[in-house]
N, C-alpha and C. Protein backbone atom coordinates (compact mmCIF):
# COMPACT_ATOMS: atom_id res chain seq x y z
N MET A 1 -91.15 165.73 36.95
CA MET A 1 -89.94 164.93 36.79
C MET A 1 -89.80 164.68 35.30
N SER A 2 -88.64 164.82 34.77
CA SER A 2 -88.37 164.60 33.37
C SER A 2 -88.18 163.08 33.08
N GLN A 3 -88.31 162.73 31.83
CA GLN A 3 -88.09 161.32 31.44
C GLN A 3 -86.63 160.94 31.78
N SER A 4 -85.67 161.75 31.62
CA SER A 4 -84.31 161.46 31.92
C SER A 4 -84.11 161.25 33.43
N GLN A 5 -84.74 162.09 34.21
CA GLN A 5 -84.61 161.88 35.70
C GLN A 5 -85.28 160.58 36.16
N LEU A 6 -86.46 160.29 35.59
CA LEU A 6 -87.11 159.05 35.93
C LEU A 6 -86.30 157.83 35.47
N ALA A 7 -85.74 157.97 34.27
CA ALA A 7 -84.92 156.85 33.74
C ALA A 7 -83.73 156.56 34.67
N SER A 8 -83.05 157.63 35.17
CA SER A 8 -81.96 157.55 36.03
C SER A 8 -82.39 156.89 37.37
N ILE A 9 -83.44 157.23 37.90
CA ILE A 9 -83.95 156.75 39.18
C ILE A 9 -84.27 155.25 39.12
N VAL A 10 -84.94 154.87 38.00
CA VAL A 10 -85.39 153.40 37.95
C VAL A 10 -84.45 152.53 37.21
N GLY A 11 -83.39 153.08 36.65
CA GLY A 11 -82.38 152.30 35.98
C GLY A 11 -82.77 151.80 34.62
N LEU A 12 -83.50 152.62 33.90
CA LEU A 12 -83.89 152.34 32.51
C LEU A 12 -83.30 153.44 31.58
N SER A 13 -83.44 153.22 30.32
CA SER A 13 -82.93 154.23 29.42
C SER A 13 -84.04 155.33 29.18
N TYR A 14 -83.52 156.48 28.91
CA TYR A 14 -84.46 157.61 28.57
C TYR A 14 -85.38 157.18 27.46
N ALA A 15 -84.83 156.50 26.47
CA ALA A 15 -85.66 156.04 25.27
C ALA A 15 -86.76 155.13 25.68
N GLN A 16 -86.48 154.21 26.58
CA GLN A 16 -87.41 153.29 27.00
C GLN A 16 -88.56 153.94 27.76
N ILE A 17 -88.25 154.90 28.62
CA ILE A 17 -89.31 155.64 29.38
C ILE A 17 -90.10 156.35 28.35
N GLY A 18 -89.54 156.92 27.32
CA GLY A 18 -90.31 157.64 26.25
C GLY A 18 -91.27 156.73 25.57
N ARG A 19 -90.83 155.48 25.29
CA ARG A 19 -91.75 154.51 24.68
C ARG A 19 -92.87 154.15 25.56
N TYR A 20 -92.65 154.05 26.84
CA TYR A 20 -93.76 153.74 27.81
C TYR A 20 -94.73 154.87 27.78
N GLU A 21 -94.23 156.11 27.78
CA GLU A 21 -95.04 157.28 27.91
C GLU A 21 -95.86 157.66 26.66
N THR A 22 -95.13 157.65 25.52
CA THR A 22 -95.74 158.16 24.33
C THR A 22 -96.18 157.19 23.31
N LYS A 23 -95.58 156.03 23.26
CA LYS A 23 -95.90 155.01 22.23
C LYS A 23 -96.81 153.97 22.71
N GLY A 24 -97.24 153.95 23.98
CA GLY A 24 -98.09 152.94 24.45
C GLY A 24 -97.48 151.59 24.74
N THR A 25 -96.20 151.52 24.73
CA THR A 25 -95.48 150.30 25.04
C THR A 25 -95.76 149.98 26.51
N GLN A 26 -96.08 148.66 26.77
CA GLN A 26 -96.32 148.29 28.16
C GLN A 26 -95.02 147.81 28.83
N PRO A 27 -94.73 148.41 29.98
CA PRO A 27 -93.52 148.01 30.69
C PRO A 27 -93.73 146.62 31.36
N PRO A 28 -92.71 145.90 31.54
CA PRO A 28 -92.82 144.58 32.27
C PRO A 28 -93.21 144.94 33.73
N ALA A 29 -93.71 144.01 34.45
CA ALA A 29 -94.18 144.23 35.83
C ALA A 29 -93.09 144.83 36.71
N GLU A 30 -91.83 144.36 36.57
CA GLU A 30 -90.79 144.83 37.50
C GLU A 30 -90.49 146.35 37.20
N ALA A 31 -90.44 146.69 35.90
CA ALA A 31 -90.27 148.16 35.53
C ALA A 31 -91.43 148.97 35.99
N LEU A 32 -92.68 148.48 35.84
CA LEU A 32 -93.83 149.19 36.30
C LEU A 32 -93.78 149.46 37.79
N LYS A 33 -93.34 148.47 38.58
CA LYS A 33 -93.19 148.65 39.98
C LYS A 33 -92.14 149.70 40.30
N LYS A 34 -90.98 149.71 39.65
CA LYS A 34 -89.97 150.69 39.90
C LYS A 34 -90.47 152.09 39.51
N ILE A 35 -91.11 152.25 38.42
CA ILE A 35 -91.59 153.54 38.01
C ILE A 35 -92.69 154.09 39.05
N ALA A 36 -93.57 153.23 39.45
CA ALA A 36 -94.50 153.54 40.40
C ALA A 36 -93.89 154.07 41.72
N GLN A 37 -92.84 153.35 42.15
CA GLN A 37 -92.12 153.74 43.38
C GLN A 37 -91.48 155.09 43.21
N ALA A 38 -90.82 155.33 42.08
CA ALA A 38 -90.20 156.58 41.79
C ALA A 38 -91.15 157.74 41.80
N LEU A 39 -92.36 157.50 41.31
CA LEU A 39 -93.34 158.55 41.13
C LEU A 39 -94.27 158.60 42.36
N GLU A 40 -94.00 157.72 43.36
CA GLU A 40 -94.76 157.67 44.59
C GLU A 40 -96.27 157.42 44.36
N VAL A 41 -96.62 156.51 43.45
CA VAL A 41 -97.94 156.14 43.23
C VAL A 41 -97.96 154.58 43.15
N SER A 42 -99.16 153.97 43.09
CA SER A 42 -99.21 152.55 43.02
C SER A 42 -99.16 152.14 41.55
N PRO A 43 -98.68 150.89 41.31
CA PRO A 43 -98.72 150.39 39.90
C PRO A 43 -100.13 150.42 39.35
N ASP A 44 -101.13 150.11 40.18
CA ASP A 44 -102.50 150.19 39.74
C ASP A 44 -102.91 151.58 39.27
N PHE A 45 -102.43 152.61 39.95
CA PHE A 45 -102.72 153.98 39.54
C PHE A 45 -102.14 154.26 38.13
N LEU A 46 -100.90 153.77 37.88
CA LEU A 46 -100.30 153.96 36.59
C LEU A 46 -101.11 153.36 35.45
N ILE A 47 -101.79 152.27 35.79
CA ILE A 47 -102.51 151.55 34.76
C ILE A 47 -103.94 152.15 34.66
N ASN A 48 -104.59 152.42 35.77
CA ASN A 48 -106.02 152.76 35.74
C ASN A 48 -106.45 154.15 36.31
N GLY A 49 -105.67 154.67 37.23
CA GLY A 49 -106.13 155.79 37.96
C GLY A 49 -105.99 157.12 37.41
N SER A 50 -106.69 158.10 37.95
CA SER A 50 -106.57 159.51 37.64
C SER A 50 -105.94 160.22 38.80
N SER A 51 -105.39 161.38 38.59
CA SER A 51 -104.67 162.05 39.71
C SER A 51 -105.68 162.45 40.79
N GLY A 52 -106.87 162.75 40.48
CA GLY A 52 -107.90 163.05 41.51
C GLY A 52 -108.22 161.88 42.35
N ASP A 53 -108.37 160.68 41.71
CA ASP A 53 -108.61 159.44 42.42
C ASP A 53 -107.46 159.13 43.32
N GLN A 54 -106.20 159.29 42.75
CA GLN A 54 -105.05 158.92 43.60
C GLN A 54 -104.94 159.81 44.78
N ALA A 55 -105.12 161.12 44.58
CA ALA A 55 -105.00 162.04 45.75
C ALA A 55 -106.06 161.75 46.81
N HIS A 56 -107.33 161.52 46.37
CA HIS A 56 -108.37 161.18 47.34
C HIS A 56 -108.14 159.94 48.05
N ALA A 57 -107.61 158.87 47.38
CA ALA A 57 -107.39 157.58 48.01
C ALA A 57 -106.18 157.60 48.92
N SER A 58 -105.21 158.48 48.69
CA SER A 58 -103.98 158.31 49.49
C SER A 58 -103.81 159.37 50.53
N LEU A 59 -104.50 160.43 50.51
CA LEU A 59 -104.31 161.49 51.55
C LEU A 59 -105.18 161.12 52.78
N THR A 60 -104.49 160.94 53.84
CA THR A 60 -105.11 160.57 55.13
C THR A 60 -104.96 161.61 56.22
N ASP A 61 -104.02 162.55 56.04
CA ASP A 61 -103.72 163.58 57.03
C ASP A 61 -104.74 164.71 56.84
N THR A 62 -105.75 164.75 57.77
CA THR A 62 -106.82 165.68 57.63
C THR A 62 -106.31 167.11 57.63
N GLU A 63 -105.32 167.42 58.44
CA GLU A 63 -104.77 168.81 58.46
C GLU A 63 -104.22 169.18 57.12
N LEU A 64 -103.46 168.26 56.50
CA LEU A 64 -102.86 168.49 55.21
C LEU A 64 -103.94 168.65 54.14
N ILE A 65 -104.96 167.85 54.19
CA ILE A 65 -106.08 167.97 53.25
C ILE A 65 -106.71 169.37 53.37
N GLN A 66 -106.87 169.85 54.61
CA GLN A 66 -107.47 171.23 54.80
C GLN A 66 -106.55 172.26 54.20
N GLN A 67 -105.24 172.08 54.44
CA GLN A 67 -104.31 173.03 53.89
C GLN A 67 -104.36 173.03 52.35
N PHE A 68 -104.44 171.88 51.72
CA PHE A 68 -104.54 171.84 50.30
C PHE A 68 -105.82 172.48 49.82
N LYS A 69 -106.91 172.30 50.54
CA LYS A 69 -108.13 172.97 50.11
C LYS A 69 -107.98 174.50 50.24
N ALA A 70 -107.31 174.95 51.29
CA ALA A 70 -107.10 176.41 51.44
C ALA A 70 -106.21 176.95 50.29
N VAL A 71 -105.20 176.25 49.92
CA VAL A 71 -104.36 176.64 48.83
C VAL A 71 -105.16 176.70 47.53
N GLU A 72 -106.07 175.69 47.34
CA GLU A 72 -106.85 175.67 46.14
C GLU A 72 -107.71 176.89 45.96
N GLN A 73 -108.08 177.57 47.05
CA GLN A 73 -108.89 178.74 46.98
C GLN A 73 -108.05 180.01 46.67
N MET A 74 -106.81 179.95 46.66
CA MET A 74 -105.91 181.08 46.49
C MET A 74 -105.92 181.50 44.93
N ASP A 75 -105.44 182.72 44.63
CA ASP A 75 -105.30 183.09 43.24
C ASP A 75 -104.16 182.29 42.59
N GLU A 76 -104.10 182.30 41.33
CA GLU A 76 -103.14 181.50 40.61
C GLU A 76 -101.69 181.77 40.97
N GLU A 77 -101.36 183.05 41.19
CA GLU A 77 -100.02 183.44 41.52
C GLU A 77 -99.61 182.86 42.88
N ASP A 78 -100.42 182.95 43.87
CA ASP A 78 -100.15 182.41 45.14
C ASP A 78 -100.05 180.88 45.10
N LYS A 79 -100.96 180.28 44.37
CA LYS A 79 -100.92 178.76 44.21
C LYS A 79 -99.60 178.37 43.60
N HIS A 80 -99.13 179.16 42.56
CA HIS A 80 -97.88 178.79 41.97
C HIS A 80 -96.73 178.87 42.93
N ILE A 81 -96.73 179.87 43.81
CA ILE A 81 -95.68 179.99 44.76
C ILE A 81 -95.68 178.83 45.73
N VAL A 82 -96.85 178.42 46.24
CA VAL A 82 -96.98 177.32 47.15
C VAL A 82 -96.48 176.00 46.42
N LYS A 83 -96.91 175.77 45.24
CA LYS A 83 -96.43 174.62 44.47
C LYS A 83 -94.93 174.64 44.26
N LYS A 84 -94.33 175.75 44.06
CA LYS A 84 -92.88 175.80 43.88
C LYS A 84 -92.15 175.46 45.21
N LEU A 85 -92.68 175.96 46.34
CA LEU A 85 -92.16 175.65 47.64
C LEU A 85 -92.25 174.19 47.94
N ILE A 86 -93.35 173.56 47.63
CA ILE A 86 -93.49 172.13 47.87
C ILE A 86 -92.61 171.34 46.97
N ASP A 87 -92.46 171.70 45.72
CA ASP A 87 -91.58 171.05 44.79
C ASP A 87 -90.15 171.13 45.31
N ALA A 88 -89.71 172.23 45.76
CA ALA A 88 -88.35 172.43 46.25
C ALA A 88 -88.10 171.54 47.42
N PHE A 89 -89.03 171.51 48.40
CA PHE A 89 -88.84 170.66 49.55
C PHE A 89 -88.81 169.15 49.16
N ILE A 90 -89.73 168.69 48.27
CA ILE A 90 -89.72 167.32 47.84
C ILE A 90 -88.42 166.99 47.12
N THR A 91 -87.95 167.85 46.27
CA THR A 91 -86.65 167.63 45.55
C THR A 91 -85.49 167.49 46.57
N LYS A 92 -85.48 168.36 47.58
CA LYS A 92 -84.44 168.34 48.59
C LYS A 92 -84.51 166.98 49.32
N LYS A 93 -85.67 166.52 49.67
CA LYS A 93 -85.78 165.21 50.32
C LYS A 93 -85.30 164.02 49.47
N LYS A 94 -85.66 164.07 48.22
CA LYS A 94 -85.25 162.97 47.32
C LYS A 94 -83.75 162.97 47.13
N ILE A 95 -83.16 164.16 47.05
CA ILE A 95 -81.70 164.24 46.95
C ILE A 95 -81.04 163.67 48.18
N GLN A 96 -81.58 164.04 49.37
CA GLN A 96 -81.05 163.50 50.59
C GLN A 96 -81.22 161.98 50.65
N GLN A 97 -82.28 161.44 50.15
CA GLN A 97 -82.51 159.98 50.17
C GLN A 97 -81.52 159.29 49.20
N LEU A 98 -81.26 159.96 48.01
CA LEU A 98 -80.29 159.38 47.08
C LEU A 98 -78.90 159.37 47.62
N ALA A 99 -78.63 160.42 48.41
CA ALA A 99 -77.23 160.55 48.98
C ALA A 99 -76.96 159.59 50.15
N SER A 100 -78.04 159.10 50.76
CA SER A 100 -77.94 158.24 51.94
C SER A 100 -77.45 156.88 51.52
């Protein structure tokens, strides 16, 4: 997700998102909450977590975990295709949610 897209979703300026990301500026609690919701992570993850920690803590669907493990074993080209398909589906769902 680009800074512009995130800014649009959470109702902040592109410049402000950039300051949070690159200049170390701390967002107020309400902005942090909105950013976390838009990125589908917890505010705590934005402050402290790593992507591996977040994935391990939040994935509870054992079938999905097994599928991700199978994809992880694929060659880079196949992994890239699977990631693109997942991204496309997630984007479609987000657009549908915004349109509702």
